[in-house]
Amino acid sequence: MSRIDGWVLGVAQSADLVLAASDDDCSLRAWSRKDGALVLEMKTPNNLPAITTAVQGNLAAVGTFDGGLFLIDLATASVLHALQGHTDSVLSVILDGNEIISGATDMTVRVWDKISGGRQTLRIDAGAWVYSVAAHENVLVAGLQDNTVRIFDRASGVPRHVLTEATNYVRAVAIDAQRMVSGSDDRKVRVYAVPSFQLVRVLKGHINWVRSVALEGDRIVSGSRDETVRLWDARSGDALHVLQGHSEEVNSVSLSGSQIVSGSDDYSVRVWDAETGASTRVLDGTEAARPIEEVLGATATTAAGRRRSRRRWRTGTP
């Protein structure tokens, strides 16, 4: 397999996999979360730079330059759907339940239904580039180029809140049942209460743009142009660890359990221990390869397994 030959603009992880989207080599890669083996390397279906990715079981979504957005069956490295609608680069995508939610430089947030084969169900005109999207229950969140975070009703797209505390582009948002977190080019991470969306605290420490945030439980992770990943206590706002190792800006972070994943302009993906802050693995595409079915389960490649896989993505059930 080939070394990553481009900025790693998006990372994601599941219980089994670590994924990375890179730009110059127009590639999506996946590694075993357990041992770091490379299990997938594929070009984007439109052969354009990959910007963002998300993973849910055997499914991945990848967004590219020029409005490309694709739903991928990882077990077979095949395109299930090309989602048509965005007219400019897709900067953010998430998979949430039966929905695919995306934001782009065409100034829209779009929602797509996996069950109906990728049909677009909602379009929101956000009024500025959409750098990041997040969702929880009945709300959608968008971080925008106009320095705001905007909260929308998930069913109707009706605006609910406009958060104006940031003084520069808001490049990152994340949300759960208790908190919404944003990261901005003003170098700050902000924490808001849910569902009131009142500002609770501002986390300071980064010395350059905050490009990405992740939120899980009582932990917040942020990645910055200052080449660091920072781990914060979501309850107190205390800085827990500064993760150093990348030699260029950090574009994307993911937090799942005790593992943090980051992607950087240094053409690498790093894996970190969220408990200790230690770097546990550096991934660059040159790792030993093994079949993805050994990670996802061999039944995924049988005819019955493929039928079960299709049923899972149609219904959203495990």
C-alpha atoms as a PDB file:
ATOM      1  CA  MET A   1       0.000   0.000   0.000  1.00  0.00           C
ATOM      2  CA  SER A   2       1.130   3.586  -0.597  1.00  0.00           C
ATOM      3  CA  ARG A   3       2.184   6.268   1.856  1.00  0.00           C
ATOM      4  CA  ILE A   4      -0.294   9.083   2.481  1.00  0.00           C
ATOM      5  CA  ASP A   5       0.559  11.784  -0.033  1.00  0.00           C
ATOM      6  CA  GLY A   6      -1.555  14.725   1.048  1.00  0.00           C
ATOM      7  CA  TRP A   7      -2.918  16.653   3.980  1.00  0.00           C
ATOM      8  CA  VAL A   8      -5.140  14.531   6.209  1.00  0.00           C
ATOM      9  CA  LEU A   9      -8.208  16.744   6.355  1.00  0.00           C
ATOM     10  CA  GLY A  10     -10.667  14.370   8.021  1.00  0.00           C
ATOM     11  CA  VAL A  11     -10.518  11.491  10.495  1.00  0.00           C
ATOM     12  CA  ALA A  12     -13.169   9.305  12.078  1.00  0.00           C
ATOM     13  CA  GLN A  13     -13.284   6.124  14.137  1.00  0.00           C
ATOM     14  CA  SER A  14     -15.626   3.313  15.094  1.00  0.00           C
ATOM     15  CA  ALA A  15     -15.304   0.363  17.445  1.00  0.00           C
ATOM     16  CA  ASP A  16     -13.287  -1.465  14.765  1.00  0.00           C
ATOM     17  CA  LEU A  17     -11.745   1.111  12.457  1.00  0.00           C
ATOM     18  CA  VAL A  18      -9.808   4.354  12.109  1.00  0.00           C
ATOM     19  CA  LEU A  19     -10.531   6.279   8.890  1.00  0.00           C
ATOM     20  CA  ALA A  20      -8.706   9.124   7.180  1.00  0.00           C
ATOM     21  CA  ALA A  21      -9.525  11.355   4.213  1.00  0.00           C
ATOM     22  CA  SER A  22      -6.568  12.995   2.439  1.00  0.00           C
ATOM     23  CA  ASP A  23      -6.523  15.612  -0.249  1.00  0.00           C
ATOM     24  CA  ASP A  24      -3.687  15.494  -2.809  1.00  0.00           C
ATOM     25  CA  ASP A  25      -3.849  11.717  -3.210  1.00  0.00           C
ATOM     26  CA  CYS A  26      -7.689  11.802  -3.285  1.00  0.00           C
ATOM     27  CA  SER A  27      -7.857   8.852  -0.904  1.00  0.00           C
ATOM     28  CA  LEU A  28      -9.846   7.226   1.852  1.00  0.00           C
ATOM     29  CA  ARG A  29      -7.952   4.814   4.102  1.00  0.00           C
ATOM     30  CA  ALA A  30      -8.978   2.604   6.982  1.00  0.00           C
ATOM     31  CA  TRP A  31      -6.931   0.832   9.627  1.00  0.00           C
ATOM     32  CA  SER A  32      -7.766  -1.716  12.271  1.00  0.00           C
ATOM     33  CA  ARG A  33      -8.322   0.141  15.509  1.00  0.00           C
ATOM     34  CA  LYS A  34      -6.960  -2.847  17.415  1.00  0.00           C
ATOM     35  CA  ASP A  35      -3.560  -3.284  15.802  1.00  0.00           C
ATOM     36  CA  GLY A  36      -3.104  -0.542  13.199  1.00  0.00           C
ATOM     37  CA  ALA A  37      -3.137  -2.853  10.174  1.00  0.00           C
ATOM     38  CA  LEU A  38      -4.122  -1.107   6.937  1.00  0.00           C
ATOM     39  CA  VAL A  39      -7.380  -2.680   5.774  1.00  0.00           C
ATOM     40  CA  LEU A  40      -8.599  -0.286   3.072  1.00  0.00           C
ATOM     41  CA  GLU A  41      -7.111   2.148   0.594  1.00  0.00           C
ATOM     42  CA  MET A  42      -9.314   3.562  -2.138  1.00  0.00           C
ATOM     43  CA  LYS A  43      -9.513   6.601  -4.364  1.00  0.00           C
ATOM     44  CA  THR A  44     -12.488   8.895  -4.052  1.00  0.00           C
ATOM     45  CA  PRO A  45     -15.154   7.904  -6.596  1.00  0.00           C
ATOM     46  CA  ASN A  46     -14.801  11.230  -8.430  1.00  0.00           C
ATOM     47  CA  ASN A  47     -10.991  11.236  -8.103  1.00  0.00           C
ATOM     48  CA  LEU A  48     -11.100  14.583  -6.290  1.00  0.00           C
ATOM     49  CA  PRO A  49      -9.443  15.535  -2.986  1.00  0.00           C
ATOM     50  CA  ALA A  50     -11.113  14.030   0.084  1.00  0.00           C
ATOM     51  CA  ILE A  51     -11.973  16.569   2.779  1.00  0.00           C
ATOM     52  CA  THR A  52     -14.131  14.871   5.387  1.00  0.00           C
ATOM     53  CA  THR A  53     -15.259  11.404   6.426  1.00  0.00           C
ATOM     54  CA  ALA A  54     -17.574   9.684   8.882  1.00  0.00           C
ATOM     55  CA  VAL A  55     -18.063   6.023   9.810  1.00  0.00           C
ATOM     56  CA  GLN A  56     -20.974   3.974  11.118  1.00  0.00           C
ATOM     57  CA  GLY A  57     -20.485   0.210  11.278  1.00  0.00           C
ATOM     58  CA  ASN A  58     -19.637  -1.021   7.756  1.00  0.00           C
ATOM     59  CA  LEU A  59     -20.549   2.336   6.222  1.00  0.00           C
ATOM     60  CA  ALA A  60     -18.450   5.400   5.535  1.00  0.00           C
ATOM     61  CA  ALA A  61     -19.364   8.766   4.100  1.00  0.00           C
ATOM     62  CA  VAL A  62     -16.741  10.854   2.331  1.00  0.00           C
ATOM     63  CA  GLY A  63     -17.023  14.438   1.124  1.00  0.00           C
ATOM     64  CA  THR A  64     -14.780  15.939  -1.556  1.00  0.00           C
ATOM     65  CA  PHE A  65     -14.041  19.033  -3.560  1.00  0.00           C
ATOM     66  CA  ASP A  66     -16.706  20.210  -6.019  1.00  0.00           C
ATOM     67  CA  GLY A  67     -19.683  18.884  -4.068  1.00  0.00           C
ATOM     68  CA  GLY A  68     -18.819  15.199  -4.065  1.00  0.00           C
ATOM     69  CA  LEU A  69     -20.528  13.183  -1.343  1.00  0.00           C
ATOM     70  CA  PHE A  70     -20.535   9.383  -1.314  1.00  0.00           C
ATOM     71  CA  LEU A  71     -21.809   6.582   0.888  1.00  0.00           C
ATOM     72  CA  ILE A  72     -19.319   3.692   0.858  1.00  0.00           C
ATOM     73  CA  ASP A  73     -19.700   0.038   1.830  1.00  0.00           C
ATOM     74  CA  LEU A  74     -16.359  -0.540   3.549  1.00  0.00           C
ATOM     75  CA  ALA A  75     -16.653  -4.325   3.385  1.00  0.00           C
ATOM     76  CA  THR A  76     -16.550  -4.238  -0.410  1.00  0.00           C
ATOM     77  CA  ALA A  77     -15.003  -0.786  -1.023  1.00  0.00           C
ATOM     78  CA  SER A  78     -17.992  -0.031  -3.240  1.00  0.00           C
ATOM     79  CA  VAL A  79     -20.126   3.076  -3.641  1.00  0.00           C
ATOM     80  CA  LEU A  80     -23.660   2.592  -2.390  1.00  0.00           C
ATOM     81  CA  HIS A  81     -24.850   6.084  -3.276  1.00  0.00           C
ATOM     82  CA  ALA A  82     -23.518   9.274  -4.828  1.00  0.00           C
ATOM     83  CA  LEU A  83     -25.497  12.002  -3.081  1.00  0.00           C
ATOM     84  CA  GLN A  84     -26.286  14.750  -5.558  1.00  0.00           C
ATOM     85  CA  GLY A  85     -27.020  18.302  -4.445  1.00  0.00           C
ATOM     86  CA  HIS A  86     -24.022  20.213  -3.116  1.00  0.00           C
ATOM     87  CA  THR A  87     -22.495  22.510  -5.704  1.00  0.00           C
ATOM     88  CA  ASP A  88     -19.194  23.216  -3.927  1.00  0.00           C
ATOM     89  CA  SER A  89     -16.753  21.477  -1.593  1.00  0.00           C
ATOM     90  CA  VAL A  90     -18.233  19.354   1.190  1.00  0.00           C
ATOM     91  CA  LEU A  91     -16.374  20.336   4.351  1.00  0.00           C
ATOM     92  CA  SER A  92     -18.228  18.247   6.940  1.00  0.00           C
ATOM     93  CA  VAL A  93     -20.307  15.081   7.064  1.00  0.00           C
ATOM     94  CA  ILE A  94     -21.769  12.979   9.859  1.00  0.00           C
ATOM     95  CA  LEU A  95     -23.742   9.737   9.975  1.00  0.00           C
ATOM     96  CA  ASP A  96     -26.458   9.887  12.619  1.00  0.00           C
ATOM     97  CA  GLY A  97     -29.064   7.148  12.826  1.00  0.00           C
ATOM     98  CA  ASN A  98     -30.666   6.807   9.416  1.00  0.00           C
ATOM     99  CA  GLU A  99     -29.465  10.203   8.239  1.00  0.00           C
ATOM    100  CA  ILE A 100     -26.422  11.612   6.493  1.00  0.00           C
ATOM    101  CA  ILE A 101     -25.881  15.286   7.333  1.00  0.00           C
ATOM    102  CA  SER A 102     -23.463  17.459   5.386  1.00  0.00           C
ATOM    103  CA  GLY A 103     -22.263  21.044   5.150  1.00  0.00           C
ATOM    104  CA  ALA A 104     -20.437  22.731   2.294  1.00  0.00           C
ATOM    105  CA  THR A 105     -18.980  25.908   0.854  1.00  0.00           C
ATOM    106  CA  ASP A 106     -22.174  26.256  -1.174  1.00  0.00           C
ATOM    107  CA  MET A 107     -23.555  27.695   2.103  1.00  0.00           C
ATOM    108  CA  THR A 108     -25.996  24.856   2.699  1.00  0.00           C
ATOM    109  CA  VAL A 109     -26.617  22.129   5.233  1.00  0.00           C
ATOM    110  CA  ARG A 110     -28.262  19.093   3.687  1.00  0.00           C
ATOM    111  CA  VAL A 111     -29.859  16.016   5.197  1.00  0.00           C
ATOM    112  CA  TRP A 112     -30.116  12.719   3.333  1.00  0.00           C
ATOM    113  CA  ASP A 113     -32.096   9.568   4.119  1.00  0.00           C
ATOM    114  CA  LYS A 114     -30.116   6.337   3.967  1.00  0.00           C
ATOM    115  CA  ILE A 115     -33.194   4.131   3.994  1.00  0.00           C
ATOM    116  CA  SER A 116     -34.607   5.606   0.795  1.00  0.00           C
ATOM    117  CA  GLY A 117     -31.311   5.289  -1.037  1.00  0.00           C
ATOM    118  CA  GLY A 118     -29.788   8.656  -0.228  1.00  0.00           C
ATOM    119  CA  ARG A 119     -32.755  10.884  -0.984  1.00  0.00           C
ATOM    120  CA  GLN A 120     -32.284  14.492   0.145  1.00  0.00           C
ATOM    121  CA  THR A 121     -34.891  15.309   2.790  1.00  0.00           C
ATOM    122  CA  LEU A 122     -33.849  18.773   3.952  1.00  0.00           C
ATOM    123  CA  ARG A 123     -31.854  21.726   2.656  1.00  0.00           C
ATOM    124  CA  ILE A 124     -30.959  24.648   4.891  1.00  0.00           C
ATOM    125  CA  ASP A 125     -29.558  27.834   3.396  1.00  0.00           C
ATOM    126  CA  ALA A 126     -27.101  28.900   6.093  1.00  0.00           C
ATOM    127  CA  GLY A 127     -25.927  32.133   4.483  1.00  0.00           C
ATOM    128  CA  ALA A 128     -22.196  31.426   4.810  1.00  0.00           C
ATOM    129  CA  TRP A 129     -19.726  28.609   4.240  1.00  0.00           C
ATOM    130  CA  VAL A 130     -20.572  25.666   6.474  1.00  0.00           C
ATOM    131  CA  TYR A 131     -17.349  24.436   8.027  1.00  0.00           C
ATOM    132  CA  SER A 132     -18.823  21.891  10.424  1.00  0.00           C
ATOM    133  CA  VAL A 133     -22.100  20.158  11.263  1.00  0.00           C
ATOM    134  CA  ALA A 134     -23.295  18.223  14.309  1.00  0.00           C
ATOM    135  CA  ALA A 135     -26.612  16.763  15.417  1.00  0.00           C
ATOM    136  CA  HIS A 136     -28.323  15.530  18.543  1.00  0.00           C
ATOM    137  CA  GLU A 137     -31.936  14.441  18.823  1.00  0.00           C
ATOM    138  CA  ASN A 138     -34.069  17.250  17.345  1.00  0.00           C
ATOM    139  CA  VAL A 139     -31.375  19.839  16.611  1.00  0.00           C
ATOM    140  CA  LEU A 140     -28.777  20.467  13.921  1.00  0.00           C
ATOM    141  CA  VAL A 141     -25.731  22.635  14.609  1.00  0.00           C
ATOM    142  CA  ALA A 142     -23.588  24.411  12.035  1.00  0.00           C
ATOM    143  CA  GLY A 143     -20.316  26.277  12.452  1.00  0.00           C
ATOM    144  CA  LEU A 144     -20.076  29.031   9.856  1.00  0.00           C
ATOM    145  CA  GLN A 145     -17.669  31.357   8.089  1.00  0.00           C
ATOM    146  CA  ASP A 146     -19.680  34.366   9.335  1.00  0.00           C
ATOM    147  CA  ASN A 147     -18.299  33.769  12.875  1.00  0.00           C
ATOM    148  CA  THR A 148     -21.556  32.257  14.154  1.00  0.00           C
ATOM    149  CA  VAL A 149     -22.887  28.949  15.328  1.00  0.00           C
ATOM    150  CA  ARG A 150     -26.439  28.396  14.147  1.00  0.00           C
ATOM    151  CA  ILE A 151     -28.908  25.959  15.661  1.00  0.00           C
ATOM    152  CA  PHE A 152     -31.722  24.579  13.512  1.00  0.00           C
ATOM    153  CA  ASP A 153     -34.752  22.393  14.068  1.00  0.00           C
ATOM    154  CA  ARG A 154     -33.769  19.004  12.684  1.00  0.00           C
ATOM    155  CA  ALA A 155     -37.142  18.205  11.158  1.00  0.00           C
ATOM    156  CA  SER A 156     -38.011  21.538   9.583  1.00  0.00           C
ATOM    157  CA  GLY A 157     -34.721  23.430   9.283  1.00  0.00           C
ATOM    158  CA  VAL A 158     -36.225  26.401  11.116  1.00  0.00           C
ATOM    159  CA  PRO A 159     -33.539  28.493  12.909  1.00  0.00           C
ATOM    160  CA  ARG A 160     -33.635  28.238  16.708  1.00  0.00           C
ATOM    161  CA  HIS A 161     -30.532  30.072  17.946  1.00  0.00           C
ATOM    162  CA  VAL A 162     -27.691  32.169  16.567  1.00  0.00           C
ATOM    163  CA  LEU A 163     -24.577  32.193  18.763  1.00  0.00           C
ATOM    164  CA  THR A 164     -22.360  35.201  18.156  1.00  0.00           C
ATOM    165  CA  GLU A 165     -19.604  34.973  20.777  1.00  0.00           C
ATOM    166  CA  ALA A 166     -16.847  33.909  18.351  1.00  0.00           C
ATOM    167  CA  THR A 167     -14.850  36.713  16.723  1.00  0.00           C
ATOM    168  CA  ASN A 168     -13.601  34.706  13.736  1.00  0.00           C
ATOM    169  CA  TYR A 169     -14.650  31.756  11.594  1.00  0.00           C
ATOM    170  CA  VAL A 170     -16.225  28.849  13.492  1.00  0.00           C
ATOM    171  CA  ARG A 171     -14.585  25.803  11.973  1.00  0.00           C
ATOM    172  CA  ALA A 172     -15.781  23.093  14.352  1.00  0.00           C
ATOM    173  CA  VAL A 173     -18.852  22.053  16.345  1.00  0.00           C
ATOM    174  CA  ALA A 174     -19.852  19.024  18.403  1.00  0.00           C
ATOM    175  CA  ILE A 175     -22.899  18.307  20.542  1.00  0.00           C
ATOM    176  CA  ASP A 176     -24.322  15.783  22.998  1.00  0.00           C
ATOM    177  CA  ALA A 177     -27.222  15.777  25.465  1.00  0.00           C
ATOM    178  CA  GLN A 178     -25.518  18.190  27.870  1.00  0.00           C
ATOM    179  CA  ARG A 179     -23.127  20.381  25.899  1.00  0.00           C
ATOM    180  CA  MET A 180     -22.381  21.969  22.576  1.00  0.00           C
ATOM    181  CA  VAL A 181     -18.756  22.794  21.826  1.00  0.00           C
ATOM    182  CA  SER A 182     -17.345  25.083  19.130  1.00  0.00           C
ATOM    183  CA  GLY A 183     -13.854  25.852  17.892  1.00  0.00           C
ATOM    184  CA  SER A 184     -12.911  29.075  16.121  1.00  0.00           C
ATOM    185  CA  ASP A 185     -10.143  30.840  14.296  1.00  0.00           C
ATOM    186  CA  ASP A 186     -10.115  33.203  17.300  1.00  0.00           C
ATOM    187  CA  ARG A 187      -8.138  30.364  18.994  1.00  0.00           C
ATOM    188  CA  LYS A 188     -10.846  29.588  21.544  1.00  0.00           C
ATOM    189  CA  VAL A 189     -12.994  26.567  22.333  1.00  0.00           C
ATOM    190  CA  ARG A 190     -16.406  27.506  23.692  1.00  0.00           C
ATOM    191  CA  VAL A 191     -18.735  25.311  25.735  1.00  0.00           C
ATOM    192  CA  TYR A 192     -22.491  25.915  25.736  1.00  0.00           C
ATOM    193  CA  ALA A 193     -25.231  24.330  27.827  1.00  0.00           C
ATOM    194  CA  VAL A 194     -27.835  22.196  26.053  1.00  0.00           C
ATOM    195  CA  PRO A 195     -30.726  22.847  25.478  1.00  0.00           C
ATOM    196  CA  SER A 196     -30.445  26.533  26.433  1.00  0.00           C
ATOM    197  CA  PHE A 197     -27.298  27.166  24.348  1.00  0.00           C
ATOM    198  CA  GLN A 198     -26.061  29.599  26.954  1.00  0.00           C
ATOM    199  CA  LEU A 199     -22.287  30.076  27.026  1.00  0.00           C
ATOM    200  CA  VAL A 200     -20.825  28.214  29.992  1.00  0.00           C
ATOM    201  CA  ARG A 201     -17.069  28.684  29.567  1.00  0.00           C
ATOM    202  CA  VAL A 202     -14.302  29.565  27.153  1.00  0.00           C
ATOM    203  CA  LEU A 203     -11.274  27.267  26.922  1.00  0.00           C
ATOM    204  CA  LYS A 204      -8.034  29.077  26.166  1.00  0.00           C
ATOM    205  CA  GLY A 205      -4.660  27.570  25.363  1.00  0.00           C
ATOM    206  CA  HIS A 206      -4.349  27.171  21.609  1.00  0.00           C
ATOM    207  CA  ILE A 207      -2.134  29.780  19.980  1.00  0.00           C
ATOM    208  CA  ASN A 208      -3.598  29.426  16.485  1.00  0.00           C
ATOM    209  CA  TRP A 209      -6.878  28.549  14.785  1.00  0.00           C
ATOM    210  CA  VAL A 210      -8.954  25.742  16.293  1.00  0.00           C
ATOM    211  CA  ARG A 211      -9.717  23.496  13.331  1.00  0.00           C
ATOM    212  CA  SER A 212     -11.628  20.627  14.957  1.00  0.00           C
ATOM    213  CA  VAL A 213     -13.379  19.609  18.174  1.00  0.00           C
ATOM    214  CA  ALA A 214     -14.779  16.358  19.538  1.00  0.00           C
ATOM    215  CA  LEU A 215     -16.936  15.700  22.575  1.00  0.00           C
ATOM    216  CA  GLU A 216     -17.695  12.537  24.521  1.00  0.00           C
ATOM    217  CA  GLY A 217     -18.840  12.280  28.111  1.00  0.00           C
ATOM    218  CA  ASP A 218     -16.790  14.618  30.271  1.00  0.00           C
ATOM    219  CA  ARG A 219     -13.981  15.053  27.742  1.00  0.00           C
ATOM    220  CA  ILE A 220     -13.452  17.622  25.012  1.00  0.00           C
ATOM    221  CA  VAL A 221     -10.707  17.299  22.395  1.00  0.00           C
ATOM    222  CA  SER A 222      -9.541  20.106  20.130  1.00  0.00           C
ATOM    223  CA  GLY A 223      -7.085  20.213  17.238  1.00  0.00           C
ATOM    224  CA  SER A 224      -5.360  23.350  16.046  1.00  0.00           C
ATOM    225  CA  ARG A 225      -3.195  24.999  13.471  1.00  0.00           C
ATOM    226  CA  ASP A 226      -0.667  25.309  16.325  1.00  0.00           C
ATOM    227  CA  GLU A 227       0.177  21.606  15.669  1.00  0.00           C
ATOM    228  CA  THR A 228      -1.249  20.395  18.984  1.00  0.00           C
ATOM    229  CA  VAL A 229      -4.205  18.368  20.165  1.00  0.00           C
ATOM    230  CA  ARG A 230      -5.598  19.396  23.535  1.00  0.00           C
ATOM    231  CA  LEU A 231      -7.719  17.420  25.955  1.00  0.00           C
ATOM    232  CA  TRP A 232     -10.027  19.267  28.352  1.00  0.00           C
ATOM    233  CA  ASP A 233     -12.308  18.417  31.273  1.00  0.00           C
ATOM    234  CA  ALA A 234     -15.776  19.330  30.002  1.00  0.00           C
ATOM    235  CA  ARG A 235     -17.113  19.898  33.534  1.00  0.00           C
ATOM    236  CA  SER A 236     -14.444  22.233  34.873  1.00  0.00           C
ATOM    237  CA  GLY A 237     -12.790  23.482  31.704  1.00  0.00           C
ATOM    238  CA  ASP A 238      -9.402  22.391  33.017  1.00  0.00           C
ATOM    239  CA  ALA A 239      -6.705  21.482  30.502  1.00  0.00           C
ATOM    240  CA  LEU A 240      -5.827  17.809  30.990  1.00  0.00           C
ATOM    241  CA  HIS A 241      -3.197  17.132  28.332  1.00  0.00           C
ATOM    242  CA  VAL A 242      -1.425  18.846  25.455  1.00  0.00           C
ATOM    243  CA  LEU A 243      -0.701  16.192  22.838  1.00  0.00           C
ATOM    244  CA  GLN A 244       2.412  17.016  20.850  1.00  0.00           C
ATOM    245  CA  GLY A 245       3.837  15.067  17.940  1.00  0.00           C
ATOM    246  CA  HIS A 246       2.387  16.459  14.734  1.00  0.00           C
ATOM    247  CA  SER A 247       4.770  18.686  12.792  1.00  0.00           C
ATOM    248  CA  GLU A 248       2.084  20.607  10.897  1.00  0.00           C
ATOM    249  CA  GLU A 249      -1.401  21.888  11.654  1.00  0.00           C
ATOM    250  CA  VAL A 250      -4.005  19.485  13.001  1.00  0.00           C
ATOM    251  CA  ASN A 251      -7.103  19.483  10.792  1.00  0.00           C
ATOM    252  CA  SER A 252      -9.355  16.893  12.390  1.00  0.00           C
ATOM    253  CA  VAL A 253      -9.820  15.047  15.681  1.00  0.00           C
ATOM    254  CA  SER A 254     -12.022  12.192  16.828  1.00  0.00           C
ATOM    255  CA  LEU A 255     -12.714  10.909  20.351  1.00  0.00           C
ATOM    256  CA  SER A 256     -14.108   7.457  21.077  1.00  0.00           C
ATOM    257  CA  GLY A 257     -13.777   5.895  24.508  1.00  0.00           C
ATOM    258  CA  SER A 258     -10.169   6.113  25.624  1.00  0.00           C
ATOM    259  CA  GLN A 259      -8.823   6.765  22.125  1.00  0.00           C
ATOM    260  CA  ILE A 260      -8.172  10.043  20.330  1.00  0.00           C
ATOM    261  CA  VAL A 261      -7.375  10.142  16.612  1.00  0.00           C
ATOM    262  CA  SER A 262      -5.948  13.180  14.816  1.00  0.00           C
ATOM    263  CA  GLY A 263      -5.126  14.026  11.203  1.00  0.00           C
ATOM    264  CA  SER A 264      -2.603  16.627  10.105  1.00  0.00           C
ATOM    265  CA  ASP A 265      -0.958  18.461   7.241  1.00  0.00           C
ATOM    266  CA  ASP A 266       2.144  16.393   8.078  1.00  0.00           C
ATOM    267  CA  TYR A 267       0.599  13.528   6.034  1.00  0.00           C
ATOM    268  CA  SER A 268      -0.049  11.383   9.105  1.00  0.00           C
ATOM    269  CA  VAL A 269      -2.733  10.114  11.437  1.00  0.00           C
ATOM    270  CA  ARG A 270      -1.869   9.824  15.111  1.00  0.00           C
ATOM    271  CA  VAL A 271      -3.583   7.742  17.766  1.00  0.00           C
ATOM    272  CA  TRP A 272      -3.442   8.855  21.402  1.00  0.00           C
ATOM    273  CA  ASP A 273      -4.441   7.483  24.791  1.00  0.00           C
ATOM    274  CA  ALA A 274      -7.060   9.844  26.234  1.00  0.00           C
ATOM    275  CA  GLU A 275      -6.233   8.768  29.785  1.00  0.00           C
ATOM    276  CA  THR A 276      -2.515   9.526  29.686  1.00  0.00           C
ATOM    277  CA  GLY A 277      -2.105  11.747  26.622  1.00  0.00           C
ATOM    278  CA  ALA A 278       0.533   9.378  25.261  1.00  0.00           C
ATOM    279  CA  SER A 279       0.947   8.792  21.530  1.00  0.00           C
ATOM    280  CA  THR A 280       0.257   5.118  20.854  1.00  0.00           C
ATOM    281  CA  ARG A 281       0.488   4.872  17.078  1.00  0.00           C
ATOM    282  CA  VAL A 282       1.415   6.870  13.961  1.00  0.00           C
ATOM    283  CA  LEU A 283      -0.316   5.821  10.743  1.00  0.00           C
ATOM    284  CA  ASP A 284       0.969   6.876   7.318  1.00  0.00           C
ATOM    285  CA  GLY A 285      -0.338   4.264   4.874  1.00  0.00           C
ATOM    286  CA  THR A 286       2.771   2.060   4.860  1.00  0.00           C
ATOM    287  CA  GLU A 287       1.509  -0.346   7.500  1.00  0.00           C
ATOM    288  CA  ALA A 288       1.174  -4.070   6.935  1.00  0.00           C
ATOM    289  CA  ALA A 289      -2.102  -4.776   5.175  1.00  0.00           C
ATOM    290  CA  ARG A 290      -4.710  -7.394   5.917  1.00  0.00           C
ATOM    291  CA  PRO A 291      -8.258  -8.054   4.663  1.00  0.00           C
ATOM    292  CA  ILE A 292     -10.926  -5.784   6.072  1.00  0.00           C
ATOM    293  CA  GLU A 293     -13.224  -8.758   6.644  1.00  0.00           C
ATOM    294  CA  GLU A 294     -10.886  -9.859   9.421  1.00  0.00           C
ATOM    295  CA  VAL A 295     -11.790  -6.633  11.198  1.00  0.00           C
ATOM    296  CA  LEU A 296     -15.437  -6.241  10.217  1.00  0.00           C
ATOM    297  CA  GLY A 297     -16.260  -9.961  10.208  1.00  0.00           C
ATOM    298  CA  ALA A 298     -15.960 -12.497   7.398  1.00  0.00           C
ATOM    299  CA  THR A 299     -19.745 -12.697   6.909  1.00  0.00           C
ATOM    300  CA  ALA A 300     -19.635  -9.226   5.369  1.00  0.00           C
ATOM    301  CA  THR A 301     -18.112 -10.684   2.210  1.00  0.00           C
ATOM    302  CA  THR A 302     -20.529 -13.578   1.761  1.00  0.00           C
ATOM    303  CA  ALA A 303     -23.758 -13.215  -0.185  1.00  0.00           C
ATOM    304  CA  ALA A 304     -25.760 -13.525   3.025  1.00  0.00           C
ATOM    305  CA  GLY A 305     -23.423 -11.074   4.712  1.00  0.00           C
ATOM    306  CA  ARG A 306     -23.885  -8.562   1.934  1.00  0.00           C
ATOM    307  CA  ARG A 307     -27.651  -8.865   2.294  1.00  0.00           C
ATOM    308  CA  ARG A 308     -27.330  -8.327   6.045  1.00  0.00           C
ATOM    309  CA  SER A 309     -25.054  -5.356   5.430  1.00  0.00           C
ATOM    310  CA  ARG A 310     -27.575  -3.782   3.051  1.00  0.00           C
ATOM    311  CA  ARG A 311     -30.338  -4.418   5.587  1.00  0.00           C
ATOM    312  CA  ARG A 312     -28.285  -2.717   8.314  1.00  0.00           C
ATOM    313  CA  TRP A 313     -27.668   0.440   6.314  1.00  0.00           C
ATOM    314  CA  ARG A 314     -31.278   0.581   5.205  1.00  0.00           C
ATOM    315  CA  THR A 315     -32.661   0.203   8.713  1.00  0.00           C
ATOM    316  CA  GLY A 316     -29.847   1.707  10.771  1.00  0.00           C
ATOM    317  CA  THR A 317     -29.823  -1.338  13.049  1.00  0.00           C
ATOM    318  CA  PRO A 318     -26.685  -3.239  14.122  1.00  0.00           C
END
